Structure formats: C-alpha cells, structure tokens
C-alpha atoms as a PDB file:
ATOM      1  CA  MET A   1      14.346   3.661 -13.531  1.00  0.00           C
ATOM      2  CA  MET A   2      10.653   2.874 -13.943  1.00  0.00           C
ATOM      3  CA  LYS A   3       8.473   5.586 -15.494  1.00  0.00           C
ATOM      4  CA  GLU A   4       5.730   6.973 -13.256  1.00  0.00           C
ATOM      5  CA  ILE A   5       2.423   7.676 -14.964  1.00  0.00           C
ATOM      6  CA  ASP A   6      -0.715   9.350 -13.650  1.00  0.00           C
ATOM      7  CA  LEU A   7      -3.862   7.896 -15.188  1.00  0.00           C
ATOM      8  CA  TYR A   8      -7.168   9.693 -14.673  1.00  0.00           C
ATOM      9  CA  THR A   9     -10.298   7.834 -15.773  1.00  0.00           C
ATOM     10  CA  ASP A  10     -14.066   8.197 -15.885  1.00  0.00           C
ATOM     11  CA  GLY A  11     -17.035   6.412 -17.392  1.00  0.00           C
ATOM     12  CA  ALA A  12     -20.532   7.628 -18.136  1.00  0.00           C
ATOM     13  CA  CYS A  13     -23.801   6.230 -19.398  1.00  0.00           C
ATOM     14  CA  SER A  14     -26.922   7.750 -20.941  1.00  0.00           C
ATOM     15  CA  GLY A  15     -29.447   5.392 -19.420  1.00  0.00           C
ATOM     16  CA  ASN A  16     -28.110   2.521 -17.365  1.00  0.00           C
ATOM     17  CA  PRO A  17     -27.951   0.351 -19.402  1.00  0.00           C
ATOM     18  CA  GLY A  18     -27.676   2.562 -22.444  1.00  0.00           C
ATOM     19  CA  ALA A  19     -25.119   4.290 -24.609  1.00  0.00           C
ATOM     20  CA  GLY A  20     -21.891   4.650 -22.664  1.00  0.00           C
ATOM     21  CA  GLY A  21     -18.567   6.376 -22.944  1.00  0.00           C
ATOM     22  CA  TYR A  22     -15.219   6.462 -21.233  1.00  0.00           C
ATOM     23  CA  GLY A  23     -12.431   8.979 -21.001  1.00  0.00           C
ATOM     24  CA  ALA A  24      -8.869   8.706 -19.766  1.00  0.00           C
ATOM     25  CA  ILE A  25      -5.878  10.995 -19.499  1.00  0.00           C
ATOM     26  CA  LEU A  26      -2.349   9.645 -19.193  1.00  0.00           C
ATOM     27  CA  ILE A  27       0.243  12.071 -17.844  1.00  0.00           C
ATOM     28  CA  TYR A  28       3.996  11.518 -17.988  1.00  0.00           C
ATOM     29  CA  ARG A  29       6.430  14.323 -17.168  1.00  0.00           C
ATOM     30  CA  GLY A  30       3.810  16.963 -17.916  1.00  0.00           C
ATOM     31  CA  VAL A  31       2.823  15.469 -21.282  1.00  0.00           C
ATOM     32  CA  GLU A  32      -0.855  14.554 -21.485  1.00  0.00           C
ATOM     33  CA  ARG A  33      -2.543  12.039 -23.775  1.00  0.00           C
ATOM     34  CA  GLU A  34      -6.341  11.855 -23.905  1.00  0.00           C
ATOM     35  CA  ILE A  35      -8.238   8.779 -25.040  1.00  0.00           C
ATOM     36  CA  SER A  36     -11.955   8.074 -25.220  1.00  0.00           C
ATOM     37  CA  GLY A  37     -14.528   5.821 -26.788  1.00  0.00           C
ATOM     38  CA  GLY A  38     -17.863   4.221 -26.173  1.00  0.00           C
ATOM     39  CA  GLU A  39     -20.342   1.447 -26.694  1.00  0.00           C
ATOM     40  CA  SER A  40     -23.939   1.661 -27.834  1.00  0.00           C
ATOM     41  CA  SER A  41     -25.283  -0.646 -25.112  1.00  0.00           C
ATOM     42  CA  THR A  42     -23.462  -0.859 -21.807  1.00  0.00           C
ATOM     43  CA  THR A  43     -23.568   0.222 -18.157  1.00  0.00           C
ATOM     44  CA  ASN A  44     -21.882   2.954 -16.165  1.00  0.00           C
ATOM     45  CA  ASN A  45     -19.850   0.414 -14.173  1.00  0.00           C
ATOM     46  CA  ARG A  46     -18.577  -1.241 -17.345  1.00  0.00           C
ATOM     47  CA  MET A  47     -17.440   2.109 -18.712  1.00  0.00           C
ATOM     48  CA  GLU A  48     -15.701   2.984 -15.420  1.00  0.00           C
ATOM     49  CA  ILE A  49     -13.734  -0.284 -15.552  1.00  0.00           C
ATOM     50  CA  TYR A  50     -13.094  -0.012 -19.279  1.00  0.00           C
ATOM     51  CA  ALA A  51     -11.626   3.491 -18.910  1.00  0.00           C
ATOM     52  CA  VAL A  52      -8.869   2.035 -16.717  1.00  0.00           C
ATOM     53  CA  ILE A  53      -8.306  -0.855 -19.141  1.00  0.00           C
ATOM     54  CA  ALA A  54      -8.042   1.541 -22.092  1.00  0.00           C
ATOM     55  CA  GLY A  55      -5.501   3.679 -20.257  1.00  0.00           C
ATOM     56  CA  LEU A  56      -3.354   0.733 -19.193  1.00  0.00           C
ATOM     57  CA  ARG A  57      -3.432  -0.693 -22.732  1.00  0.00           C
ATOM     58  CA  CYS A  58      -1.567   2.433 -23.891  1.00  0.00           C
ATOM     59  CA  LEU A  59       1.503   1.611 -21.804  1.00  0.00           C
ATOM     60  CA  LYS A  60       4.303  -0.080 -23.736  1.00  0.00           C
ATOM     61  CA  GLU A  61       6.539  -1.001 -20.770  1.00  0.00           C
ATOM     62  CA  ARG A  62       6.299  -1.717 -17.052  1.00  0.00           C
ATOM     63  CA  CYS A  63       5.459   1.499 -15.190  1.00  0.00           C
ATOM     64  CA  LYS A  64       4.436   2.835 -11.817  1.00  0.00           C
ATOM     65  CA  VAL A  65       0.837   3.902 -12.392  1.00  0.00           C
ATOM     66  CA  ASN A  66      -1.263   6.096 -10.124  1.00  0.00           C
ATOM     67  CA  ILE A  67      -4.865   5.503 -11.210  1.00  0.00           C
ATOM     68  CA  TYR A  68      -7.309   8.233 -10.210  1.00  0.00           C
ATOM     69  CA  SER A  69     -10.993   7.301 -10.460  1.00  0.00           C
ATOM     70  CA  ASP A  70     -14.257   8.537  -8.989  1.00  0.00           C
ATOM     71  CA  SER A  71     -15.632   4.986  -9.191  1.00  0.00           C
ATOM     72  CA  ALA A  72     -15.744   3.454  -5.707  1.00  0.00           C
ATOM     73  CA  TYR A  73     -16.610   0.152  -7.438  1.00  0.00           C
ATOM     74  CA  THR A  74     -13.362   0.134  -9.407  1.00  0.00           C
ATOM     75  CA  VAL A  75     -11.089   1.533  -6.685  1.00  0.00           C
ATOM     76  CA  ASN A  76     -12.502  -0.660  -3.908  1.00  0.00           C
ATOM     77  CA  ALA A  77     -12.220  -3.822  -6.004  1.00  0.00           C
ATOM     78  CA  PHE A  78      -8.449  -3.427  -5.677  1.00  0.00           C
ATOM     79  CA  ASN A  79      -7.951  -1.428  -2.480  1.00  0.00           C
ATOM     80  CA  GLN A  80     -10.316  -3.639  -0.482  1.00  0.00           C
ATOM     81  CA  ARG A  81      -8.996  -6.739  -2.269  1.00  0.00           C
ATOM     82  CA  TRP A  82     -12.399  -7.848  -3.586  1.00  0.00           C
ATOM     83  CA  ILE A  83     -10.747  -8.832  -6.847  1.00  0.00           C
ATOM     84  CA  HIS A  84      -8.444 -11.294  -5.058  1.00  0.00           C
ATOM     85  CA  ALA A  85     -11.446 -12.971  -3.411  1.00  0.00           C
ATOM     86  CA  TRP A  86     -13.271 -13.121  -6.762  1.00  0.00           C
ATOM     87  CA  LEU A  87     -10.227 -14.654  -8.435  1.00  0.00           C
ATOM     88  CA  LYS A  88      -9.812 -17.209  -5.640  1.00  0.00           C
ATOM     89  CA  CYS A  89     -13.517 -18.152  -5.845  1.00  0.00           C
ATOM     90  CA  GLY A  90     -13.616 -18.550  -9.633  1.00  0.00           C
ATOM     91  CA  TRP A  91     -15.110 -15.086 -10.253  1.00  0.00           C
ATOM     92  CA  LYS A  92     -17.988 -15.660  -7.863  1.00  0.00           C
ATOM     93  CA  LYS A  93     -19.064 -13.336  -5.051  1.00  0.00           C
ATOM     94  CA  ALA A  94     -19.395 -14.380  -1.403  1.00  0.00           C
ATOM     95  CA  ASP A  95     -23.064 -15.275  -2.054  1.00  0.00           C
ATOM     96  CA  GLY A  96     -21.999 -17.678  -4.821  1.00  0.00           C
ATOM     97  CA  LYS A  97     -23.403 -15.532  -7.627  1.00  0.00           C
ATOM     98  CA  PRO A  98     -21.174 -14.671 -10.578  1.00  0.00           C
ATOM     99  CA  VAL A  99     -19.255 -11.403 -10.386  1.00  0.00           C
ATOM    100  CA  LEU A 100     -20.788  -8.825 -12.706  1.00  0.00           C
ATOM    101  CA  ASN A 101     -18.469  -7.635 -15.484  1.00  0.00           C
ATOM    102  CA  ALA A 102     -16.117 -10.590 -14.903  1.00  0.00           C
ATOM    103  CA  ASP A 103     -14.770 -10.282 -18.463  1.00  0.00           C
ATOM    104  CA  LEU A 104     -13.562  -6.745 -17.794  1.00  0.00           C
ATOM    105  CA  TRP A 105     -12.308  -7.520 -14.279  1.00  0.00           C
ATOM    106  CA  GLN A 106     -10.227 -10.388 -15.667  1.00  0.00           C
ATOM    107  CA  GLU A 107      -8.640  -8.173 -18.312  1.00  0.00           C
ATOM    108  CA  LEU A 108      -8.052  -5.365 -15.835  1.00  0.00           C
ATOM    109  CA  TYR A 109      -6.500  -7.742 -13.325  1.00  0.00           C
ATOM    110  CA  ALA A 110      -4.099  -9.056 -15.991  1.00  0.00           C
ATOM    111  CA  LEU A 111      -3.111  -5.511 -17.004  1.00  0.00           C
ATOM    112  CA  VAL A 112      -2.572  -4.445 -13.392  1.00  0.00           C
ATOM    113  CA  GLN A 113      -0.181  -7.375 -12.891  1.00  0.00           C
ATOM    114  CA  GLN A 114       2.098  -5.891 -15.579  1.00  0.00           C
ATOM    115  CA  HIS A 115       2.710  -2.673 -13.623  1.00  0.00           C
ATOM    116  CA  GLU A 116       3.109  -1.243 -10.128  1.00  0.00           C
ATOM    117  CA  VAL A 117      -0.370   0.171  -9.654  1.00  0.00           C
ATOM    118  CA  ARG A 118      -1.950   2.327  -6.986  1.00  0.00           C
ATOM    119  CA  PHE A 119      -5.686   3.128  -7.083  1.00  0.00           C
ATOM    120  CA  ILE A 120      -6.710   6.527  -5.710  1.00  0.00           C
ATOM    121  CA  LYS A 121     -10.346   7.535  -5.209  1.00  0.00           C
ATOM    122  CA  VAL A 122     -11.214  11.090  -6.236  1.00  0.00           C
ATOM    123  CA  LYS A 123     -14.468  12.918  -5.713  1.00  0.00           C
ATOM    124  CA  GLY A 124     -16.498  12.952  -8.909  1.00  0.00           C
ATOM    125  CA  HIS A 125     -17.919  16.116 -10.460  1.00  0.00           C
ATOM    126  CA  ALA A 126     -16.006  18.278  -7.995  1.00  0.00           C
ATOM    127  CA  ASP A 127     -12.796  20.290  -8.130  1.00  0.00           C
ATOM    128  CA  ASN A 128     -10.458  17.776  -9.798  1.00  0.00           C
ATOM    129  CA  ALA A 129      -9.843  19.242 -13.271  1.00  0.00           C
ATOM    130  CA  TYR A 130      -8.570  15.954 -14.730  1.00  0.00           C
ATOM    131  CA  ASN A 131     -11.574  13.989 -13.439  1.00  0.00           C
ATOM    132  CA  ASN A 132     -13.874  16.642 -14.895  1.00  0.00           C
ATOM    133  CA  ARG A 133     -12.051  16.473 -18.235  1.00  0.00           C
ATOM    134  CA  CYS A 134     -12.383  12.659 -18.285  1.00  0.00           C
ATOM    135  CA  ASP A 135     -16.103  13.048 -17.629  1.00  0.00           C
ATOM    136  CA  ALA A 136     -16.344  15.483 -20.561  1.00  0.00           C
ATOM    137  CA  LEU A 137     -14.462  13.028 -22.809  1.00  0.00           C
ATOM    138  CA  ALA A 138     -16.814  10.195 -21.778  1.00  0.00           C
ATOM    139  CA  ARG A 139     -19.920  12.304 -22.395  1.00  0.00           C
ATOM    140  CA  ALA A 140     -18.611  13.474 -25.773  1.00  0.00           C
ATOM    141  CA  ALA A 141     -18.031   9.823 -26.742  1.00  0.00           C
ATOM    142  CA  ILE A 142     -21.697   9.092 -25.947  1.00  0.00           C
ATOM    143  CA  LYS A 143     -22.811  12.003 -28.159  1.00  0.00           C
ATOM    144  CA  ASN A 144     -20.596  10.701 -30.985  1.00  0.00           C
ATOM    145  CA  LEU A 145     -22.335   7.292 -30.724  1.00  0.00           C
ATOM    146  CA  LYS A 146     -25.762   8.868 -30.957  1.00  0.00           C
ATOM    147  CA  GLY A 147     -24.828  11.138 -33.881  1.00  0.00           C
ATOM    148  CA  PRO A 148     -25.860  14.747 -34.438  1.00  0.00           C
ATOM    149  CA  ALA A 149     -29.028  15.943 -32.740  1.00  0.00           C
END
C-alpha cells in the first residue's frame, strides 16, 4: 500500500526580490518533519515553488502526497493545468514570453510525476496552524541568512 503524506509549504521574501526563505512540514502517520532554508537573492514566488520541491525531495519512494500551499501561483499551475500548457509550448506562456521560474517548474514537474499528488490551496496567515508554522520557518530562514541584528 502506498504511503500517504501531507506536505505543508510556504515561502517568504524580505524585499521582492530580496533575501528569501522557505519552510515545509511533512506529516506521515502523525510524525512531523520540518525543513527550511533560503537564498540571499530570490523572489517570493521562487521560494513558494522551492518549498514544494524541497518537501518532495525528502520522499524516498512513490507516495500519495497532499500538498497544502497558500500560493495560488503554485497551486493553480497544477490545478488549472497551466504547467501542461507551458510544457507543451516549450516553457512559454500564451503570449509567447518565457515562463518565469522555468527552472523550478521543470524540477517540480519532474518530482510530481514520481508521486500521486494533489494540490490544495489554503488561506495564508489565517487559522491553519501548519501553514503558519511553515511561514515561521521561512521567516526564520531569512533571518539566518541576514545574521544577527
């Protein structure tokens, strides 16, 4: 039987672009694993996408994965099938311009193909404790990049 994992993710940026961080929590049978990290020069959207990538990279076998994100950009890319159109058009948008963050979308797409994935949009900065914890992890990662105040 395939393991079912809940993956909560969030990205944050101090300035956009600026220092950015991501946080993710993987949950399997009540056991939680937190991961986080950051980059000194990035964007909020890149960190939102990267949080999902980082979480999926932790999986060692094919799983059912419920991905919870407050990023409409990330969730809609899959749920509204934008990513399939981008792939079909050589990572170009309908207007012919290159898709932003194509490097991350390509990696995320490849990771998603390895699992049974469902993207679920959650309201950010609201009453979802796991989303709030991911936000705190992402913000802490930004502070760690900047060093002590």
